[in-house]
Amino acid sequence: MKLQWLLLIGLVFAVIIAVFAVVNVEEVPVNYVFGEAQWPLILVILVSALLGFLLSVMVAMARNYALKRKVKALQKELAEKESIIATQQNEISDYQHADVRPDTTVVTEEDKTV
């Protein structure tokens, strides 16, 4: 549902840009660092919108890549911890079958400071 809303908003935005660009067809001076040229305003608007779209797509892709790397690292960490838990559960089970009871010790404040 969220994707449908994003597509609808993107489509509305694209139509607004297209209408705005078609209304503004006169030539305007475009000043580059190394020179100046006369371009139709429709081209300036459409190229600017396209460059903005491409920049936002690249930022989204970089963020997506970083999040995927983080997910993989967390999945690896989870698998390691699950392995440790399984090993410890097996050890507990072995102790219970062998009827081994750990020594009960009482820890007091004096024992902690020593």
PDB file of N, CA and C in Angstrom:
ATOM      1  N   MET A   1       0.828  -1.194   0.000  1.00  0.00           N
ATOM      2  CA  MET A   1       0.000   0.000   0.000  1.00  0.00           C
ATOM      3  C   MET A   1       0.872   1.258   0.000  1.00  0.00           C
ATOM      4  N   LYS A   2       1.955   1.233   0.767  1.00  0.00           N
ATOM      5  CA  LYS A   2       2.842   2.385   0.841  1.00  0.00           C
ATOM      6  C   LYS A   2       3.479   2.663  -0.519  1.00  0.00           C
ATOM      7  N   LEU A   3       3.856   1.592  -1.231  1.00  0.00           N
ATOM      8  CA  LEU A   3       4.474   1.747  -2.551  1.00  0.00           C
ATOM      9  C   LEU A   3       3.497   2.387  -3.534  1.00  0.00           C
ATOM     10  N   GLN A   4       2.217   2.022  -3.434  1.00  0.00           N
ATOM     11  CA  GLN A   4       1.212   2.608  -4.325  1.00  0.00           C
ATOM     12  C   GLN A   4       1.079   4.115  -4.089  1.00  0.00           C
ATOM     13  N   TRP A   5       1.110   4.516  -2.825  1.00  0.00           N
ATOM     14  CA  TRP A   5       1.037   5.950  -2.521  1.00  0.00           C
ATOM     15  C   TRP A   5       2.263   6.685  -3.036  1.00  0.00           C
ATOM     16  N   LEU A   6       3.433   6.071  -2.877  1.00  0.00           N
ATOM     17  CA  LEU A   6       4.655   6.703  -3.379  1.00  0.00           C
ATOM     18  C   LEU A   6       4.615   6.845  -4.898  1.00  0.00           C
ATOM     19  N   LEU A   7       4.134   5.818  -5.588  1.00  0.00           N
ATOM     20  CA  LEU A   7       4.009   5.897  -7.048  1.00  0.00           C
ATOM     21  C   LEU A   7       3.012   6.974  -7.456  1.00  0.00           C
ATOM     22  N   LEU A   8       1.906   7.061  -6.745  1.00  0.00           N
ATOM     23  CA  LEU A   8       0.898   8.078  -7.058  1.00  0.00           C
ATOM     24  C   LEU A   8       1.459   9.480  -6.845  1.00  0.00           C
ATOM     25  N   ILE A   9       2.160   9.687  -5.738  1.00  0.00           N
ATOM     26  CA  ILE A   9       2.763  10.998  -5.468  1.00  0.00           C
ATOM     27  C   ILE A   9       3.821  11.319  -6.520  1.00  0.00           C
ATOM     28  N   GLY A  10       4.631  10.329  -6.898  1.00  0.00           N
ATOM     29  CA  GLY A  10       5.641  10.537  -7.940  1.00  0.00           C
ATOM     30  C   GLY A  10       5.020  10.893  -9.274  1.00  0.00           C
ATOM     31  N   LEU A  11       3.926  10.224  -9.607  1.00  0.00           N
ATOM     32  CA  LEU A  11       3.235  10.510 -10.868  1.00  0.00           C
ATOM     33  C   LEU A  11       2.652  11.925 -10.859  1.00  0.00           C
ATOM     34  N   VAL A  12       2.039  12.321  -9.767  1.00  0.00           N
ATOM     35  CA  VAL A  12       1.489  13.686  -9.662  1.00  0.00           C
ATOM     36  C   VAL A  12       2.616  14.714  -9.786  1.00  0.00           C
ATOM     37  N   PHE A  13       3.722  14.451  -9.116  1.00  0.00           N
ATOM     38  CA  PHE A  13       4.867  15.358  -9.181  1.00  0.00           C
ATOM     39  C   PHE A  13       5.405  15.455 -10.611  1.00  0.00           C
ATOM     40  N   ALA A  14       5.488  14.312 -11.317  1.00  0.00           N
ATOM     41  CA  ALA A  14       5.968  14.308 -12.698  1.00  0.00           C
ATOM     42  C   ALA A  14       5.037  15.098 -13.613  1.00  0.00           C
ATOM     43  N   VAL A  15       3.736  14.970 -13.412  1.00  0.00           N
ATOM     44  CA  VAL A  15       2.772  15.717 -14.232  1.00  0.00           C
ATOM     45  C   VAL A  15       2.898  17.218 -13.971  1.00  0.00           C
ATOM     46  N   ILE A  16       3.070  17.597 -12.718  1.00  0.00           N
ATOM     47  CA  ILE A  16       3.233  19.022 -12.383  1.00  0.00           C
ATOM     48  C   ILE A  16       4.485  19.584 -13.040  1.00  0.00           C
ATOM     49  N   ILE A  17       5.580  18.835 -12.998  1.00  0.00           N
ATOM     50  CA  ILE A  17       6.823  19.289 -13.638  1.00  0.00           C
ATOM     51  C   ILE A  17       6.644  19.394 -15.142  1.00  0.00           C
ATOM     52  N   ALA A  18       5.979  18.406 -15.738  1.00  0.00           N
ATOM     53  CA  ALA A  18       5.773  18.428 -17.188  1.00  0.00           C
ATOM     54  C   ALA A  18       4.925  19.629 -17.609  1.00  0.00           C
ATOM     55  N   VAL A  19       3.856  19.886 -16.892  1.00  0.00           N
ATOM     56  CA  VAL A  19       2.994  21.036 -17.223  1.00  0.00           C
ATOM     57  C   VAL A  19       3.771  22.333 -17.038  1.00  0.00           C
ATOM     58  N   PHE A  20       4.508  22.439 -15.959  1.00  0.00           N
ATOM     59  CA  PHE A  20       5.311  23.631 -15.701  1.00  0.00           C
ATOM     60  C   PHE A  20       6.351  23.837 -16.799  1.00  0.00           C
ATOM     61  N   ALA A  21       6.966  22.743 -17.252  1.00  0.00           N
ATOM     62  CA  ALA A  21       7.986  22.846 -18.293  1.00  0.00           C
ATOM     63  C   ALA A  21       7.379  23.243 -19.633  1.00  0.00           C
ATOM     64  N   VAL A  22       6.232  22.694 -19.976  1.00  0.00           N
ATOM     65  CA  VAL A  22       5.586  23.011 -21.259  1.00  0.00           C
ATOM     66  C   VAL A  22       5.140  24.463 -21.297  1.00  0.00           C
ATOM     67  N   VAL A  23       4.723  25.017 -20.186  1.00  0.00           N
ATOM     68  CA  VAL A  23       4.282  26.413 -20.144  1.00  0.00           C
ATOM     69  C   VAL A  23       5.468  27.354 -20.329  1.00  0.00           C
ATOM     70  N   ASN A  24       6.656  26.946 -19.873  1.00  0.00           N
ATOM     71  CA  ASN A  24       7.845  27.797 -19.949  1.00  0.00           C
ATOM     72  C   ASN A  24       8.765  27.310 -21.076  1.00  0.00           C
ATOM     73  N   VAL A  25       8.504  27.793 -22.306  1.00  0.00           N
ATOM     74  CA  VAL A  25       9.274  27.336 -23.460  1.00  0.00           C
ATOM     75  C   VAL A  25      10.263  28.379 -23.989  1.00  0.00           C
ATOM     76  N   GLU A  26      10.265  29.587 -23.460  1.00  0.00           N
ATOM     77  CA  GLU A  26      11.183  30.607 -23.974  1.00  0.00           C
ATOM     78  C   GLU A  26      12.625  30.267 -23.610  1.00  0.00           C
ATOM     79  N   GLU A  27      13.549  30.836 -24.364  1.00  0.00           N
ATOM     80  CA  GLU A  27      14.966  30.564 -24.123  1.00  0.00           C
ATOM     81  C   GLU A  27      15.484  31.447 -22.991  1.00  0.00           C
ATOM     82  N   VAL A  28      16.367  30.857 -22.200  1.00  0.00           N
ATOM     83  CA  VAL A  28      16.966  31.575 -21.080  1.00  0.00           C
ATOM     84  C   VAL A  28      18.478  31.379 -21.133  1.00  0.00           C
ATOM     85  N   PRO A  29      19.244  32.335 -20.619  1.00  0.00           N
ATOM     86  CA  PRO A  29      20.696  32.136 -20.579  1.00  0.00           C
ATOM     87  C   PRO A  29      21.071  31.182 -19.439  1.00  0.00           C
ATOM     88  N   VAL A  30      21.915  30.211 -19.769  1.00  0.00           N
ATOM     89  CA  VAL A  30      22.427  29.267 -18.770  1.00  0.00           C
ATOM     90  C   VAL A  30      23.910  29.555 -18.633  1.00  0.00           C
ATOM     91  N   ASN A  31      24.333  29.957 -17.448  1.00  0.00           N
ATOM     92  CA  ASN A  31      25.708  30.336 -17.212  1.00  0.00           C
ATOM     93  C   ASN A  31      26.480  29.151 -16.644  1.00  0.00           C
ATOM     94  N   TYR A  32      27.446  28.660 -17.404  1.00  0.00           N
ATOM     95  CA  TYR A  32      28.345  27.602 -16.942  1.00  0.00           C
ATOM     96  C   TYR A  32      29.567  28.272 -16.332  1.00  0.00           C
ATOM     97  N   VAL A  33      30.399  27.508 -15.710  1.00  0.00           N
ATOM     98  CA  VAL A  33      31.635  28.050 -15.157  1.00  0.00           C
ATOM     99  C   VAL A  33      32.546  28.518 -16.289  1.00  0.00           C
ATOM    100  N   PHE A  34      32.502  27.808 -17.392  1.00  0.00           N
ATOM    101  CA  PHE A  34      33.400  28.103 -18.516  1.00  0.00           C
ATOM    102  C   PHE A  34      32.720  28.831 -19.663  1.00  0.00           C
ATOM    103  N   GLY A  35      31.473  29.200 -19.532  1.00  0.00           N
ATOM    104  CA  GLY A  35      30.800  29.911 -20.620  1.00  0.00           C
ATOM    105  C   GLY A  35      29.314  30.083 -20.346  1.00  0.00           C
ATOM    106  N   GLU A  36      28.609  30.565 -21.391  1.00  0.00           N
ATOM    107  CA  GLU A  36      27.173  30.806 -21.273  1.00  0.00           C
ATOM    108  C   GLU A  36      26.508  30.381 -22.570  1.00  0.00           C
ATOM    109  N   ALA A  37      25.270  29.863 -22.447  1.00  0.00           N
ATOM    110  CA  ALA A  37      24.531  29.435 -23.631  1.00  0.00           C
ATOM    111  C   ALA A  37      23.054  29.747 -23.438  1.00  0.00           C
ATOM    112  N   GLN A  38      22.332  29.821 -24.547  1.00  0.00           N
ATOM    113  CA  GLN A  38      20.890  30.027 -24.524  1.00  0.00           C
ATOM    114  C   GLN A  38      20.212  28.666 -24.669  1.00  0.00           C
ATOM    115  N   TRP A  39      19.395  28.294 -23.700  1.00  0.00           N
ATOM    116  CA  TRP A  39      18.689  27.017 -23.731  1.00  0.00           C
ATOM    117  C   TRP A  39      17.206  27.273 -23.515  1.00  0.00           C
ATOM    118  N   PRO A  40      16.365  26.445 -24.108  1.00  0.00           N
ATOM    119  CA  PRO A  40      14.928  26.552 -23.792  1.00  0.00           C
ATOM    120  C   PRO A  40      14.690  26.203 -22.321  1.00  0.00           C
ATOM    121  N   LEU A  41      13.861  26.973 -21.685  1.00  0.00           N
ATOM    122  CA  LEU A  41      13.595  26.772 -20.271  1.00  0.00           C
ATOM    123  C   LEU A  41      13.016  25.381 -19.999  1.00  0.00           C
ATOM    124  N   ILE A  42      12.259  24.843 -20.956  1.00  0.00           N
ATOM    125  CA  ILE A  42      11.690  23.505 -20.805  1.00  0.00           C
ATOM    126  C   ILE A  42      12.805  22.472 -20.609  1.00  0.00           C
ATOM    127  N   LEU A  43      13.895  22.627 -21.364  1.00  0.00           N
ATOM    128  CA  LEU A  43      15.025  21.701 -21.224  1.00  0.00           C
ATOM    129  C   LEU A  43      15.723  21.879 -19.890  1.00  0.00           C
ATOM    130  N   VAL A  44      15.896  23.100 -19.457  1.00  0.00           N
ATOM    131  CA  VAL A  44      16.553  23.362 -18.178  1.00  0.00           C
ATOM    132  C   VAL A  44      15.741  22.738 -17.043  1.00  0.00           C
ATOM    133  N   ILE A  45      14.429  22.895 -17.090  1.00  0.00           N
ATOM    134  CA  ILE A  45      13.565  22.341 -16.045  1.00  0.00           C
ATOM    135  C   ILE A  45      13.615  20.816 -16.056  1.00  0.00           C
ATOM    136  N   LEU A  46      13.465  20.209 -17.241  1.00  0.00           N
ATOM    137  CA  LEU A  46      13.439  18.751 -17.319  1.00  0.00           C
ATOM    138  C   LEU A  46      14.791  18.135 -16.945  1.00  0.00           C
ATOM    139  N   VAL A  47      15.877  18.744 -17.383  1.00  0.00           N
ATOM    140  CA  VAL A  47      17.205  18.219 -17.027  1.00  0.00           C
ATOM    141  C   VAL A  47      17.449  18.365 -15.523  1.00  0.00           C
ATOM    142  N   SER A  48      17.044  19.475 -14.956  1.00  0.00           N
ATOM    143  CA  SER A  48      17.201  19.664 -13.510  1.00  0.00           C
ATOM    144  C   SER A  48      16.386  18.634 -12.730  1.00  0.00           C
ATOM    145  N   ALA A  49      15.163  18.379 -13.158  1.00  0.00           N
ATOM    146  CA  ALA A  49      14.327  17.383 -12.488  1.00  0.00           C
ATOM    147  C   ALA A  49      14.936  15.990 -12.630  1.00  0.00           C
ATOM    148  N   LEU A  50      15.457  15.675 -13.809  1.00  0.00           N
ATOM    149  CA  LEU A  50      16.073  14.369 -14.036  1.00  0.00           C
ATOM    150  C   LEU A  50      17.322  14.191 -13.174  1.00  0.00           C
ATOM    151  N   LEU A  51      18.152  15.232 -13.103  1.00  0.00           N
ATOM    152  CA  LEU A  51      19.349  15.147 -12.267  1.00  0.00           C
ATOM    153  C   LEU A  51      18.984  15.004 -10.783  1.00  0.00           C
ATOM    154  N   GLY A  52      17.969  15.688 -10.337  1.00  0.00           N
ATOM    155  CA  GLY A  52      17.508  15.550  -8.952  1.00  0.00           C
ATOM    156  C   GLY A  52      17.000  14.145  -8.676  1.00  0.00           C
ATOM    157  N   PHE A  53      16.259  13.582  -9.633  1.00  0.00           N
ATOM    158  CA  PHE A  53      15.767  12.213  -9.486  1.00  0.00           C
ATOM    159  C   PHE A  53      16.928  11.227  -9.419  1.00  0.00           C
ATOM    160  N   LEU A  54      17.898  11.372 -10.325  1.00  0.00           N
ATOM    161  CA  LEU A  54      19.052  10.461 -10.338  1.00  0.00           C
ATOM    162  C   LEU A  54      19.858  10.563  -9.047  1.00  0.00           C
ATOM    163  N   LEU A  55      20.033  11.773  -8.541  1.00  0.00           N
ATOM    164  CA  LEU A  55      20.763  11.948  -7.287  1.00  0.00           C
ATOM    165  C   LEU A  55      20.034  11.270  -6.123  1.00  0.00           C
ATOM    166  N   SER A  56      18.721  11.437  -6.065  1.00  0.00           N
ATOM    167  CA  SER A  56      17.965  10.802  -4.976  1.00  0.00           C
ATOM    168  C   SER A  56      17.975   9.284  -5.099  1.00  0.00           C
ATOM    169  N   VAL A  57      17.963   8.749  -6.311  1.00  0.00           N
ATOM    170  CA  VAL A  57      18.042   7.303  -6.513  1.00  0.00           C
ATOM    171  C   VAL A  57      19.401   6.784  -6.050  1.00  0.00           C
ATOM    172  N   MET A  58      20.466   7.503  -6.372  1.00  0.00           N
ATOM    173  CA  MET A  58      21.801   7.068  -5.951  1.00  0.00           C
ATOM    174  C   MET A  58      21.927   7.087  -4.426  1.00  0.00           C
ATOM    175  N   VAL A  59      21.392   8.096  -3.771  1.00  0.00           N
ATOM    176  CA  VAL A  59      21.433   8.162  -2.310  1.00  0.00           C
ATOM    177  C   VAL A  59      20.622   7.007  -1.714  1.00  0.00           C
ATOM    178  N   ALA A  60      19.462   6.723  -2.276  1.00  0.00           N
ATOM    179  CA  ALA A  60      18.632   5.625  -1.786  1.00  0.00           C
ATOM    180  C   ALA A  60      19.333   4.282  -1.981  1.00  0.00           C
ATOM    181  N   MET A  61      20.008   4.099  -3.115  1.00  0.00           N
ATOM    182  CA  MET A  61      20.726   2.849  -3.361  1.00  0.00           C
ATOM    183  C   MET A  61      21.889   2.680  -2.381  1.00  0.00           C
ATOM    184  N   ALA A  62      22.605   3.756  -2.100  1.00  0.00           N
ATOM    185  CA  ALA A  62      23.722   3.687  -1.152  1.00  0.00           C
ATOM    186  C   ALA A  62      23.200   3.337   0.240  1.00  0.00           C
ATOM    187  N   ARG A  63      22.113   3.933   0.638  1.00  0.00           N
ATOM    188  CA  ARG A  63      21.526   3.630   1.955  1.00  0.00           C
ATOM    189  C   ARG A  63      21.041   2.190   2.006  1.00  0.00           C
ATOM    190  N   ASN A  64      20.426   1.728   0.930  1.00  0.00           N
ATOM    191  CA  ASN A  64      19.941   0.351   0.859  1.00  0.00           C
ATOM    192  C   ASN A  64      21.104  -0.630   0.973  1.00  0.00           C
ATOM    193  N   TYR A  65      22.200  -0.347   0.290  1.00  0.00           N
ATOM    194  CA  TYR A  65      23.382  -1.202   0.345  1.00  0.00           C
ATOM    195  C   TYR A  65      23.948  -1.257   1.762  1.00  0.00           C
ATOM    196  N   ALA A  66      24.027  -0.114   2.423  1.00  0.00           N
ATOM    197  CA  ALA A  66      24.545  -0.069   3.793  1.00  0.00           C
ATOM    198  C   ALA A  66      23.641  -0.851   4.740  1.00  0.00           C
ATOM    199  N   LEU A  67      22.334  -0.718   4.573  1.00  0.00           N
ATOM    200  CA  LEU A  67      21.405  -1.444   5.435  1.00  0.00           C
ATOM    201  C   LEU A  67      21.484  -2.947   5.197  1.00  0.00           C
ATOM    202  N   LYS A  68      21.664  -3.361   3.944  1.00  0.00           N
ATOM    203  CA  LYS A  68      21.803  -4.793   3.655  1.00  0.00           C
ATOM    204  C   LYS A  68      23.070  -5.351   4.292  1.00  0.00           C
ATOM    205  N   ARG A  69      24.160  -4.589   4.237  1.00  0.00           N
ATOM    206  CA  ARG A  69      25.400  -5.030   4.886  1.00  0.00           C
ATOM    207  C   ARG A  69      25.200  -5.171   6.385  1.00  0.00           C
ATOM    208  N   LYS A  70      24.491  -4.227   6.975  1.00  0.00           N
ATOM    209  CA  LYS A  70      24.245  -4.275   8.421  1.00  0.00           C
ATOM    210  C   LYS A  70      23.375  -5.481   8.776  1.00  0.00           C
ATOM    211  N   VAL A  71      22.365  -5.766   7.958  1.00  0.00           N
ATOM    212  CA  VAL A  71      21.502  -6.916   8.206  1.00  0.00           C
ATOM    213  C   VAL A  71      22.306  -8.212   8.141  1.00  0.00           C
ATOM    214  N   LYS A  72      23.187  -8.331   7.150  1.00  0.00           N
ATOM    215  CA  LYS A  72      24.019  -9.536   7.037  1.00  0.00           C
ATOM    216  C   LYS A  72      24.910  -9.697   8.264  1.00  0.00           C
ATOM    217  N   ALA A  73      25.506  -8.619   8.736  1.00  0.00           N
ATOM    218  CA  ALA A  73      26.366  -8.690   9.918  1.00  0.00           C
ATOM    219  C   ALA A  73      25.556  -9.103  11.144  1.00  0.00           C
ATOM    220  N   LEU A  74      24.361  -8.561  11.287  1.00  0.00           N
ATOM    221  CA  LEU A  74      23.519  -8.911  12.433  1.00  0.00           C
ATOM    222  C   LEU A  74      23.035 -10.357  12.346  1.00  0.00           C
ATOM    223  N   GLN A  75      22.740 -10.834  11.128  1.00  0.00           N
ATOM    224  CA  GLN A  75      22.340 -12.232  10.968  1.00  0.00           C
ATOM    225  C   GLN A  75      23.489 -13.169  11.331  1.00  0.00           C
ATOM    226  N   LYS A  76      24.699 -12.798  10.957  1.00  0.00           N
ATOM    227  CA  LYS A  76      25.870 -13.607  11.297  1.00  0.00           C
ATOM    228  C   LYS A  76      26.061 -13.641  12.810  1.00  0.00           C
ATOM    229  N   GLU A  77      25.929 -12.490  13.453  1.00  0.00           N
ATOM    230  CA  GLU A  77      26.063 -12.415  14.908  1.00  0.00           C
ATOM    231  C   GLU A  77      24.973 -13.242  15.592  1.00  0.00           C
ATOM    232  N   LEU A  78      23.756 -13.187  15.066  1.00  0.00           N
ATOM    233  CA  LEU A  78      22.652 -13.962  15.626  1.00  0.00           C
ATOM    234  C   LEU A  78      22.923 -15.458  15.505  1.00  0.00           C
ATOM    235  N   ALA A  79      23.424 -15.895  14.345  1.00  0.00           N
ATOM    236  CA  ALA A  79      23.728 -17.309  14.152  1.00  0.00           C
ATOM    237  C   ALA A  79      24.805 -17.769  15.131  1.00  0.00           C
ATOM    238  N   GLU A  80      25.815 -16.944  15.357  1.00  0.00           N
ATOM    239  CA  GLU A  80      26.865 -17.300  16.314  1.00  0.00           C
ATOM    240  C   GLU A  80      26.305 -17.421  17.723  1.00  0.00           C
ATOM    241  N   LYS A  81      25.463 -16.500  18.112  1.00  0.00           N
ATOM    242  CA  LYS A  81      24.895 -16.530  19.469  1.00  0.00           C
ATOM    243  C   LYS A  81      23.929 -17.701  19.630  1.00  0.00           C
ATOM    244  N   GLU A  82      23.170 -18.020  18.574  1.00  0.00           N
ATOM    245  CA  GLU A  82      22.288 -19.181  18.639  1.00  0.00           C
ATOM    246  C   GLU A  82      23.106 -20.463  18.770  1.00  0.00           C
ATOM    247  N   SER A  83      24.260 -20.515  18.109  1.00  0.00           N
ATOM    248  CA  SER A  83      25.138 -21.671  18.226  1.00  0.00           C
ATOM    249  C   SER A  83      25.663 -21.815  19.651  1.00  0.00           C
ATOM    250  N   ILE A  84      26.053 -20.707  20.249  1.00  0.00           N
ATOM    251  CA  ILE A  84      26.535 -20.731  21.635  1.00  0.00           C
ATOM    252  C   ILE A  84      25.425 -21.186  22.573  1.00  0.00           C
ATOM    253  N   ILE A  85      24.223 -20.689  22.368  1.00  0.00           N
ATOM    254  CA  ILE A  85      23.086 -21.081  23.210  1.00  0.00           C
ATOM    255  C   ILE A  85      22.806 -22.569  23.068  1.00  0.00           C
ATOM    256  N   ALA A  86      22.831 -23.074  21.828  1.00  0.00           N
ATOM    257  CA  ALA A  86      22.582 -24.505  21.600  1.00  0.00           C
ATOM    258  C   ALA A  86      23.649 -25.344  22.295  1.00  0.00           C
ATOM    259  N   THR A  87      24.902 -24.927  22.218  1.00  0.00           N
ATOM    260  CA  THR A  87      25.986 -25.652  22.886  1.00  0.00           C
ATOM    261  C   THR A  87      25.777 -25.661  24.391  1.00  0.00           C
ATOM    262  N   GLN A  88      25.431 -24.525  24.953  1.00  0.00           N
ATOM    263  CA  GLN A  88      25.210 -24.443  26.390  1.00  0.00           C
ATOM    264  C   GLN A  88      23.991 -25.267  26.820  1.00  0.00           C
ATOM    265  N   GLN A  89      22.950 -25.288  25.995  1.00  0.00           N
ATOM    266  CA  GLN A  89      21.784 -26.108  26.317  1.00  0.00           C
ATOM    267  C   GLN A  89      22.143 -27.591  26.284  1.00  0.00           C
ATOM    268  N   ASN A  90      22.984 -27.983  25.335  1.00  0.00           N
ATOM    269  CA  ASN A  90      23.434 -29.379  25.279  1.00  0.00           C
ATOM    270  C   ASN A  90      24.248 -29.727  26.524  1.00  0.00           C
ATOM    271  N   GLU A  91      25.111 -28.836  26.956  1.00  0.00           N
ATOM    272  CA  GLU A  91      25.898 -29.074  28.162  1.00  0.00           C
ATOM    273  C   GLU A  91      25.002 -29.206  29.387  1.00  0.00           C
ATOM    274  N   ILE A  92      24.005 -28.353  29.487  1.00  0.00           N
ATOM    275  CA  ILE A  92      23.061 -28.424  30.610  1.00  0.00           C
ATOM    276  C   ILE A  92      22.323 -29.755  30.581  1.00  0.00           C
ATOM    277  N   SER A  93      21.900 -30.158  29.401  1.00  0.00           N
ATOM    278  CA  SER A  93      21.200 -31.434  29.262  1.00  0.00           C
ATOM    279  C   SER A  93      22.105 -32.594  29.667  1.00  0.00           C
ATOM    280  N   ASP A  94      23.382 -32.555  29.259  1.00  0.00           N
ATOM    281  CA  ASP A  94      24.325 -33.611  29.639  1.00  0.00           C
ATOM    282  C   ASP A  94      24.514 -33.648  31.150  1.00  0.00           C
ATOM    283  N   TYR A  95      24.619 -32.502  31.787  1.00  0.00           N
ATOM    284  CA  TYR A  95      24.763 -32.446  33.238  1.00  0.00           C
ATOM    285  C   TYR A  95      23.525 -33.005  33.932  1.00  0.00           C
ATOM    286  N   GLN A  96      22.354 -32.689  33.397  1.00  0.00           N
ATOM    287  CA  GLN A  96      21.122 -33.174  34.002  1.00  0.00           C
ATOM    288  C   GLN A  96      21.006 -34.690  33.868  1.00  0.00           C
ATOM    289  N   HIS A  97      21.419 -35.252  32.735  1.00  0.00           N
ATOM    290  CA  HIS A  97      21.374 -36.707  32.534  1.00  0.00           C
ATOM    291  C   HIS A  97      22.397 -37.416  33.420  1.00  0.00           C
ATOM    292  N   ALA A  98      23.502 -36.764  33.661  1.00  0.00           N
ATOM    293  CA  ALA A  98      24.543 -37.363  34.508  1.00  0.00           C
ATOM    294  C   ALA A  98      24.259 -37.101  35.987  1.00  0.00           C
ATOM    295  N   ASP A  99      23.186 -36.396  36.277  1.00  0.00           N
ATOM    296  CA  ASP A  99      22.779 -36.063  37.644  1.00  0.00           C
ATOM    297  C   ASP A  99      23.876 -35.306  38.393  1.00  0.00           C
ATOM    298  N   VAL A 100      24.518 -34.381  37.687  1.00  0.00           N
ATOM    299  CA  VAL A 100      25.539 -33.536  38.294  1.00  0.00           C
ATOM    300  C   VAL A 100      24.871 -32.262  38.745  1.00  0.00           C
ATOM    301  N   ARG A 101      25.089 -31.908  39.996  1.00  0.00           N
ATOM    302  CA  ARG A 101      24.513 -30.683  40.539  1.00  0.00           C
ATOM    303  C   ARG A 101      25.653 -29.713  40.841  1.00  0.00           C
ATOM    304  N   PRO A 102      25.534 -28.487  40.410  1.00  0.00           N
ATOM    305  CA  PRO A 102      26.595 -27.523  40.719  1.00  0.00           C
ATOM    306  C   PRO A 102      26.580 -27.186  42.204  1.00  0.00           C
ATOM    307  N   ASP A 103      27.755 -26.851  42.709  1.00  0.00           N
ATOM    308  CA  ASP A 103      27.849 -26.441  44.104  1.00  0.00           C
ATOM    309  C   ASP A 103      27.141 -25.108  44.267  1.00  0.00           C
ATOM    310  N   THR A 104      26.331 -25.015  45.283  1.00  0.00           N
ATOM    311  CA  THR A 104      25.650 -23.748  45.541  1.00  0.00           C
ATOM    312  C   THR A 104      26.525 -22.914  46.455  1.00  0.00           C
ATOM    313  N   THR A 105      26.823 -21.753  45.993  1.00  0.00           N
ATOM    314  CA  THR A 105      27.627 -20.839  46.799  1.00  0.00           C
ATOM    315  C   THR A 105      26.856 -19.551  46.982  1.00  0.00           C
ATOM    316  N   VAL A 106      27.007 -18.960  48.116  1.00  0.00           N
ATOM    317  CA  VAL A 106      26.337 -17.700  48.424  1.00  0.00           C
ATOM    318  C   VAL A 106      27.380 -16.597  48.284  1.00  0.00           C
ATOM    319  N   VAL A 107      27.075 -15.641  47.445  1.00  0.00           N
ATOM    320  CA  VAL A 107      27.987 -14.518  47.237  1.00  0.00           C
ATOM    321  C   VAL A 107      27.502 -13.373  48.101  1.00  0.00           C
ATOM    322  N   THR A 108      28.398 -12.888  48.907  1.00  0.00           N
ATOM    323  CA  THR A 108      28.055 -11.756  49.788  1.00  0.00           C
ATOM    324  C   THR A 108      28.824 -10.531  49.318  1.00  0.00           C
ATOM    325  N   GLU A 109      28.513  -9.409  49.938  1.00  0.00           N
ATOM    326  CA  GLU A 109      29.182  -8.157  49.589  1.00  0.00           C
ATOM    327  C   GLU A 109      30.674  -8.236  49.894  1.00  0.00           C
ATOM    328  N   GLU A 110      31.034  -8.950  50.957  1.00  0.00           N
ATOM    329  CA  GLU A 110      32.455  -9.080  51.310  1.00  0.00           C
ATOM    330  C   GLU A 110      33.212  -9.840  50.237  1.00  0.00           C
ATOM    331  N   ASP A 111      32.572 -10.854  49.638  1.00  0.00           N
ATOM    332  CA  ASP A 111      33.221 -11.637  48.584  1.00  0.00           C
ATOM    333  C   ASP A 111      33.412 -10.807  47.311  1.00  0.00           C
ATOM    334  N   LYS A 112      32.526  -9.905  47.066  1.00  0.00           N
ATOM    335  CA  LYS A 112      32.617  -9.083  45.860  1.00  0.00           C
ATOM    336  C   LYS A 112      33.761  -8.087  45.949  1.00  0.00           C
ATOM    337  N   THR A 113      34.028  -7.555  47.122  1.00  0.00           N
ATOM    338  CA  THR A 113      35.057  -6.537  47.264  1.00  0.00           C
ATOM    339  C   THR A 113      36.456  -7.129  47.353  1.00  0.00           C
ATOM    340  N   VAL A 114      36.579  -8.375  47.653  1.00  0.00           N
ATOM    341  CA  VAL A 114      37.900  -8.985  47.829  1.00  0.00           C
ATOM    342  C   VAL A 114      38.540  -9.282  46.508  1.00  0.00           C
TER     343      VAL A 114
END
